[in-house]
Amino acid sequence: MDGEVNLMSVSSVDHNLLHALQWEIHDFRVSDAKERWDMSEEEKEIVEKWIIKRIDEIKEKVNGS
């Protein structure tokens, strides 16, 4: 099974969460974080970093890496 994706280990929840986070990062990047959520630049960077890390984590699971 080298290089093959084991789709049984990837749930629909994972796929849905990946899609939702990809949508969120887009929305987050085009929004004014200060105005919308009262976030400082430092807070914004932390949130964006977490979302990106979480997306990468799920993508690795989906891709079988």
PDB file of N, CA and C in Angstrom:
ATOM      1  N   MET A   1       0.818  -1.191   0.000  1.00  0.00           N
ATOM      2  CA  MET A   1       0.000   0.000   0.000  1.00  0.00           C
ATOM      3  C   MET A   1       0.866   1.261   0.000  1.00  0.00           C
ATOM      4  N   ASP A   2       2.121   1.129  -0.391  1.00  0.00           N
ATOM      5  CA  ASP A   2       3.024   2.275  -0.425  1.00  0.00           C
ATOM      6  C   ASP A   2       2.518   3.367  -1.353  1.00  0.00           C
ATOM      7  N   GLY A   3       2.433   4.589  -0.836  1.00  0.00           N
ATOM      8  CA  GLY A   3       2.025   5.726  -1.640  1.00  0.00           C
ATOM      9  C   GLY A   3       0.536   5.848  -1.878  1.00  0.00           C
ATOM     10  N   GLU A   4      -0.230   4.842  -1.452  1.00  0.00           N
ATOM     11  CA  GLU A   4      -1.676   4.893  -1.643  1.00  0.00           C
ATOM     12  C   GLU A   4      -2.330   5.593  -0.456  1.00  0.00           C
ATOM     13  N   VAL A   5      -3.435   6.244  -0.729  1.00  0.00           N
ATOM     14  CA  VAL A   5      -4.189   6.923   0.314  1.00  0.00           C
ATOM     15  C   VAL A   5      -5.191   5.940   0.899  1.00  0.00           C
ATOM     16  N   ASN A   6      -5.164   5.815   2.205  1.00  0.00           N
ATOM     17  CA  ASN A   6      -6.140   4.971   2.869  1.00  0.00           C
ATOM     18  C   ASN A   6      -7.341   5.844   3.202  1.00  0.00           C
ATOM     19  N   LEU A   7      -8.302   5.875   2.296  1.00  0.00           N
ATOM     20  CA  LEU A   7      -9.461   6.743   2.476  1.00  0.00           C
ATOM     21  C   LEU A   7     -10.307   6.343   3.673  1.00  0.00           C
ATOM     22  N   MET A   8     -10.158   5.117   4.122  1.00  0.00           N
ATOM     23  CA  MET A   8     -10.925   4.683   5.290  1.00  0.00           C
ATOM     24  C   MET A   8     -10.474   5.430   6.547  1.00  0.00           C
ATOM     25  N   SER A   9      -9.214   5.894   6.567  1.00  0.00           N
ATOM     26  CA  SER A   9      -8.719   6.612   7.740  1.00  0.00           C
ATOM     27  C   SER A   9      -9.084   8.096   7.709  1.00  0.00           C
ATOM     28  N   VAL A  10      -9.623   8.547   6.577  1.00  0.00           N
ATOM     29  CA  VAL A  10     -10.006   9.947   6.432  1.00  0.00           C
ATOM     30  C   VAL A  10     -11.532  10.019   6.445  1.00  0.00           C
ATOM     31  N   SER A  11     -12.047  10.647   7.464  1.00  0.00           N
ATOM     32  CA  SER A  11     -13.508  10.700   7.614  1.00  0.00           C
ATOM     33  C   SER A  11     -14.111  11.876   6.849  1.00  0.00           C
ATOM     34  N   SER A  12     -15.405  11.824   6.715  1.00  0.00           N
ATOM     35  CA  SER A  12     -16.110  12.943   6.085  1.00  0.00           C
ATOM     36  C   SER A  12     -15.963  14.200   6.942  1.00  0.00           C
ATOM     37  N   VAL A  13     -15.805  14.013   8.234  1.00  0.00           N
ATOM     38  CA  VAL A  13     -15.584  15.156   9.120  1.00  0.00           C
ATOM     39  C   VAL A  13     -14.272  15.853   8.751  1.00  0.00           C
ATOM     40  N   ASP A  14     -13.237  15.061   8.486  1.00  0.00           N
ATOM     41  CA  ASP A  14     -11.951  15.638   8.073  1.00  0.00           C
ATOM     42  C   ASP A  14     -12.102  16.440   6.782  1.00  0.00           C
ATOM     43  N   HIS A  15     -12.781  15.857   5.818  1.00  0.00           N
ATOM     44  CA  HIS A  15     -12.979  16.550   4.540  1.00  0.00           C
ATOM     45  C   HIS A  15     -13.787  17.827   4.725  1.00  0.00           C
ATOM     46  N   ASN A  16     -14.837  17.754   5.512  1.00  0.00           N
ATOM     47  CA  ASN A  16     -15.670  18.937   5.753  1.00  0.00           C
ATOM     48  C   ASN A  16     -14.914  20.001   6.534  1.00  0.00           C
ATOM     49  N   LEU A  17     -14.127  19.577   7.500  1.00  0.00           N
ATOM     50  CA  LEU A  17     -13.338  20.528   8.279  1.00  0.00           C
ATOM     51  C   LEU A  17     -12.292  21.205   7.400  1.00  0.00           C
ATOM     52  N   LEU A  18     -11.654  20.444   6.533  1.00  0.00           N
ATOM     53  CA  LEU A  18     -10.679  21.022   5.611  1.00  0.00           C
ATOM     54  C   LEU A  18     -11.336  22.092   4.744  1.00  0.00           C
ATOM     55  N   HIS A  19     -12.476  21.765   4.182  1.00  0.00           N
ATOM     56  CA  HIS A  19     -13.189  22.720   3.339  1.00  0.00           C
ATOM     57  C   HIS A  19     -13.566  23.977   4.139  1.00  0.00           C
ATOM     58  N   ALA A  20     -14.076  23.775   5.348  1.00  0.00           N
ATOM     59  CA  ALA A  20     -14.487  24.917   6.178  1.00  0.00           C
ATOM     60  C   ALA A  20     -13.286  25.798   6.538  1.00  0.00           C
ATOM     61  N   LEU A  21     -12.176  25.183   6.892  1.00  0.00           N
ATOM     62  CA  LEU A  21     -10.987  25.967   7.243  1.00  0.00           C
ATOM     63  C   LEU A  21     -10.426  26.713   6.032  1.00  0.00           C
ATOM     64  N   GLN A  22     -10.479  26.097   4.863  1.00  0.00           N
ATOM     65  CA  GLN A  22     -10.021  26.784   3.658  1.00  0.00           C
ATOM     66  C   GLN A  22     -10.901  27.995   3.373  1.00  0.00           C
ATOM     67  N   TRP A  23     -12.181  27.864   3.599  1.00  0.00           N
ATOM     68  CA  TRP A  23     -13.094  28.990   3.432  1.00  0.00           C
ATOM     69  C   TRP A  23     -12.792  30.063   4.491  1.00  0.00           C
ATOM     70  N   GLU A  24     -12.583  29.641   5.723  1.00  0.00           N
ATOM     71  CA  GLU A  24     -12.307  30.573   6.818  1.00  0.00           C
ATOM     72  C   GLU A  24     -11.026  31.363   6.579  1.00  0.00           C
ATOM     73  N   ILE A  25      -9.965  30.701   6.106  1.00  0.00           N
ATOM     74  CA  ILE A  25      -8.706  31.422   5.902  1.00  0.00           C
ATOM     75  C   ILE A  25      -8.884  32.466   4.810  1.00  0.00           C
ATOM     76  N   HIS A  26      -9.668  32.148   3.804  1.00  0.00           N
ATOM     77  CA  HIS A  26      -9.942  33.129   2.752  1.00  0.00           C
ATOM     78  C   HIS A  26     -10.704  34.313   3.347  1.00  0.00           C
ATOM     79  N   ASP A  27     -11.774  34.034   4.062  1.00  0.00           N
ATOM     80  CA  ASP A  27     -12.593  35.079   4.672  1.00  0.00           C
ATOM     81  C   ASP A  27     -11.759  35.911   5.654  1.00  0.00           C
ATOM     82  N   PHE A  28     -10.924  35.243   6.421  1.00  0.00           N
ATOM     83  CA  PHE A  28     -10.073  35.910   7.404  1.00  0.00           C
ATOM     84  C   PHE A  28      -9.105  36.878   6.718  1.00  0.00           C
ATOM     85  N   ARG A  29      -8.510  36.441   5.624  1.00  0.00           N
ATOM     86  CA  ARG A  29      -7.512  37.258   4.930  1.00  0.00           C
ATOM     87  C   ARG A  29      -8.114  38.473   4.239  1.00  0.00           C
ATOM     88  N   VAL A  30      -9.355  38.386   3.806  1.00  0.00           N
ATOM     89  CA  VAL A  30      -9.961  39.523   3.107  1.00  0.00           C
ATOM     90  C   VAL A  30     -10.755  40.430   4.040  1.00  0.00           C
ATOM     91  N   SER A  31     -10.817  40.074   5.310  1.00  0.00           N
ATOM     92  CA  SER A  31     -11.559  40.871   6.292  1.00  0.00           C
ATOM     93  C   SER A  31     -10.630  41.828   7.031  1.00  0.00           C
ATOM     94  N   ASP A  32     -11.210  42.862   7.564  1.00  0.00           N
ATOM     95  CA  ASP A  32     -10.494  43.782   8.448  1.00  0.00           C
ATOM     96  C   ASP A  32     -10.630  43.225   9.860  1.00  0.00           C
ATOM     97  N   ALA A  33      -9.591  42.503  10.312  1.00  0.00           N
ATOM     98  CA  ALA A  33      -9.649  41.811  11.604  1.00  0.00           C
ATOM     99  C   ALA A  33      -9.834  42.779  12.776  1.00  0.00           C
ATOM    100  N   LYS A  34      -9.256  43.934  12.658  1.00  0.00           N
ATOM    101  CA  LYS A  34      -9.390  44.932  13.738  1.00  0.00           C
ATOM    102  C   LYS A  34     -10.845  45.377  13.860  1.00  0.00           C
ATOM    103  N   GLU A  35     -11.435  45.695  12.730  1.00  0.00           N
ATOM    104  CA  GLU A  35     -12.813  46.178  12.741  1.00  0.00           C
ATOM    105  C   GLU A  35     -13.815  45.069  13.068  1.00  0.00           C
ATOM    106  N   ARG A  36     -13.610  43.909  12.458  1.00  0.00           N
ATOM    107  CA  ARG A  36     -14.598  42.837  12.591  1.00  0.00           C
ATOM    108  C   ARG A  36     -14.513  42.104  13.926  1.00  0.00           C
ATOM    109  N   TRP A  37     -13.282  41.817  14.381  1.00  0.00           N
ATOM    110  CA  TRP A  37     -13.119  41.004  15.594  1.00  0.00           C
ATOM    111  C   TRP A  37     -12.306  41.697  16.684  1.00  0.00           C
ATOM    112  N   ASP A  38     -11.948  42.963  16.477  1.00  0.00           N
ATOM    113  CA  ASP A  38     -11.138  43.714  17.432  1.00  0.00           C
ATOM    114  C   ASP A  38      -9.831  42.992  17.760  1.00  0.00           C
ATOM    115  N   MET A  39      -9.125  42.555  16.702  1.00  0.00           N
ATOM    116  CA  MET A  39      -7.857  41.840  16.865  1.00  0.00           C
ATOM    117  C   MET A  39      -6.686  42.742  16.539  1.00  0.00           C
ATOM    118  N   SER A  40      -5.644  42.592  17.324  1.00  0.00           N
ATOM    119  CA  SER A  40      -4.388  43.278  17.005  1.00  0.00           C
ATOM    120  C   SER A  40      -3.694  42.526  15.876  1.00  0.00           C
ATOM    121  N   GLU A  41      -2.665  43.129  15.303  1.00  0.00           N
ATOM    122  CA  GLU A  41      -1.896  42.459  14.242  1.00  0.00           C
ATOM    123  C   GLU A  41      -1.268  41.173  14.771  1.00  0.00           C
ATOM    124  N   GLU A  42      -0.777  41.225  16.000  1.00  0.00           N
ATOM    125  CA  GLU A  42      -0.161  40.033  16.600  1.00  0.00           C
ATOM    126  C   GLU A  42      -1.195  38.904  16.747  1.00  0.00           C
ATOM    127  N   GLU A  43      -2.378  39.238  17.211  1.00  0.00           N
ATOM    128  CA  GLU A  43      -3.439  38.232  17.344  1.00  0.00           C
ATOM    129  C   GLU A  43      -3.827  37.670  15.980  1.00  0.00           C
ATOM    130  N   LYS A  44      -3.906  38.550  15.001  1.00  0.00           N
ATOM    131  CA  LYS A  44      -4.258  38.125  13.647  1.00  0.00           C
ATOM    132  C   LYS A  44      -3.232  37.131  13.109  1.00  0.00           C
ATOM    133  N   GLU A  45      -1.955  37.409  13.312  1.00  0.00           N
ATOM    134  CA  GLU A  45      -0.892  36.515  12.859  1.00  0.00           C
ATOM    135  C   GLU A  45      -0.990  35.150  13.538  1.00  0.00           C
ATOM    136  N   ILE A  46      -1.308  35.147  14.825  1.00  0.00           N
ATOM    137  CA  ILE A  46      -1.427  33.892  15.575  1.00  0.00           C
ATOM    138  C   ILE A  46      -2.591  33.059  15.050  1.00  0.00           C
ATOM    139  N   VAL A  47      -3.727  33.692  14.843  1.00  0.00           N
ATOM    140  CA  VAL A  47      -4.908  32.987  14.335  1.00  0.00           C
ATOM    141  C   VAL A  47      -4.630  32.427  12.942  1.00  0.00           C
ATOM    142  N   GLU A  48      -4.048  33.251  12.066  1.00  0.00           N
ATOM    143  CA  GLU A  48      -3.764  32.799  10.705  1.00  0.00           C
ATOM    144  C   GLU A  48      -2.781  31.629  10.724  1.00  0.00           C
ATOM    145  N   LYS A  49      -1.773  31.722  11.561  1.00  0.00           N
ATOM    146  CA  LYS A  49      -0.789  30.640  11.665  1.00  0.00           C
ATOM    147  C   LYS A  49      -1.468  29.346  12.098  1.00  0.00           C
ATOM    148  N   TRP A  50      -2.355  29.415  13.078  1.00  0.00           N
ATOM    149  CA  TRP A  50      -3.046  28.218  13.553  1.00  0.00           C
ATOM    150  C   TRP A  50      -3.922  27.617  12.456  1.00  0.00           C
ATOM    151  N   ILE A  51      -4.674  28.450  11.760  1.00  0.00           N
ATOM    152  CA  ILE A  51      -5.554  27.944  10.698  1.00  0.00           C
ATOM    153  C   ILE A  51      -4.714  27.252   9.617  1.00  0.00           C
ATOM    154  N   ILE A  52      -3.619  27.853   9.217  1.00  0.00           N
ATOM    155  CA  ILE A  52      -2.762  27.274   8.188  1.00  0.00           C
ATOM    156  C   ILE A  52      -2.183  25.938   8.659  1.00  0.00           C
ATOM    157  N   LYS A  53      -1.707  25.895   9.887  1.00  0.00           N
ATOM    158  CA  LYS A  53      -1.152  24.647  10.441  1.00  0.00           C
ATOM    159  C   LYS A  53      -2.211  23.555  10.472  1.00  0.00           C
ATOM    160  N   ARG A  54      -3.424  23.920  10.850  1.00  0.00           N
ATOM    161  CA  ARG A  54      -4.518  22.940  10.918  1.00  0.00           C
ATOM    162  C   ARG A  54      -4.891  22.437   9.524  1.00  0.00           C
ATOM    163  N   ILE A  55      -4.929  23.330   8.543  1.00  0.00           N
ATOM    164  CA  ILE A  55      -5.197  22.932   7.156  1.00  0.00           C
ATOM    165  C   ILE A  55      -4.110  21.959   6.688  1.00  0.00           C
ATOM    166  N   ASP A  56      -2.855  22.289   6.942  1.00  0.00           N
ATOM    167  CA  ASP A  56      -1.743  21.427   6.524  1.00  0.00           C
ATOM    168  C   ASP A  56      -1.824  20.058   7.188  1.00  0.00           C
ATOM    169  N   GLU A  57      -2.184  20.032   8.458  1.00  0.00           N
ATOM    170  CA  GLU A  57      -2.313  18.776   9.195  1.00  0.00           C
ATOM    171  C   GLU A  57      -3.375  17.872   8.567  1.00  0.00           C
ATOM    172  N   ILE A  58      -4.508  18.451   8.241  1.00  0.00           N
ATOM    173  CA  ILE A  58      -5.602  17.667   7.634  1.00  0.00           C
ATOM    174  C   ILE A  58      -5.219  17.239   6.224  1.00  0.00           C
ATOM    175  N   LYS A  59      -4.577  18.112   5.459  1.00  0.00           N
ATOM    176  CA  LYS A  59      -4.137  17.753   4.102  1.00  0.00           C
ATOM    177  C   LYS A  59      -3.176  16.574   4.150  1.00  0.00           C
ATOM    178  N   GLU A  60      -2.274  16.563   5.112  1.00  0.00           N
ATOM    179  CA  GLU A  60      -1.339  15.435   5.256  1.00  0.00           C
ATOM    180  C   GLU A  60      -2.099  14.137   5.511  1.00  0.00           C
ATOM    181  N   LYS A  61      -3.116  14.209   6.338  1.00  0.00           N
ATOM    182  CA  LYS A  61      -3.928  13.026   6.626  1.00  0.00           C
ATOM    183  C   LYS A  61      -4.669  12.577   5.365  1.00  0.00           C
ATOM    184  N   VAL A  62      -5.250  13.530   4.653  1.00  0.00           N
ATOM    185  CA  VAL A  62      -5.985  13.209   3.429  1.00  0.00           C
ATOM    186  C   VAL A  62      -5.054  12.612   2.377  1.00  0.00           C
ATOM    187  N   ASN A  63      -3.853  13.163   2.270  1.00  0.00           N
ATOM    188  CA  ASN A  63      -2.890  12.699   1.266  1.00  0.00           C
ATOM    189  C   ASN A  63      -2.100  11.467   1.709  1.00  0.00           C
ATOM    190  N   GLY A  64      -2.330  11.040   2.939  1.00  0.00           N
ATOM    191  CA  GLY A  64      -1.656   9.854   3.433  1.00  0.00           C
ATOM    192  C   GLY A  64      -0.202  10.053   3.789  1.00  0.00           C
ATOM    193  N   SER A  65       0.191  11.290   3.993  1.00  0.00           N
ATOM    194  CA  SER A  65       1.592  11.589   4.321  1.00  0.00           C
ATOM    195  C   SER A  65       1.872  11.349   5.775  1.00  0.00           C
TER     196      SER A  65
END
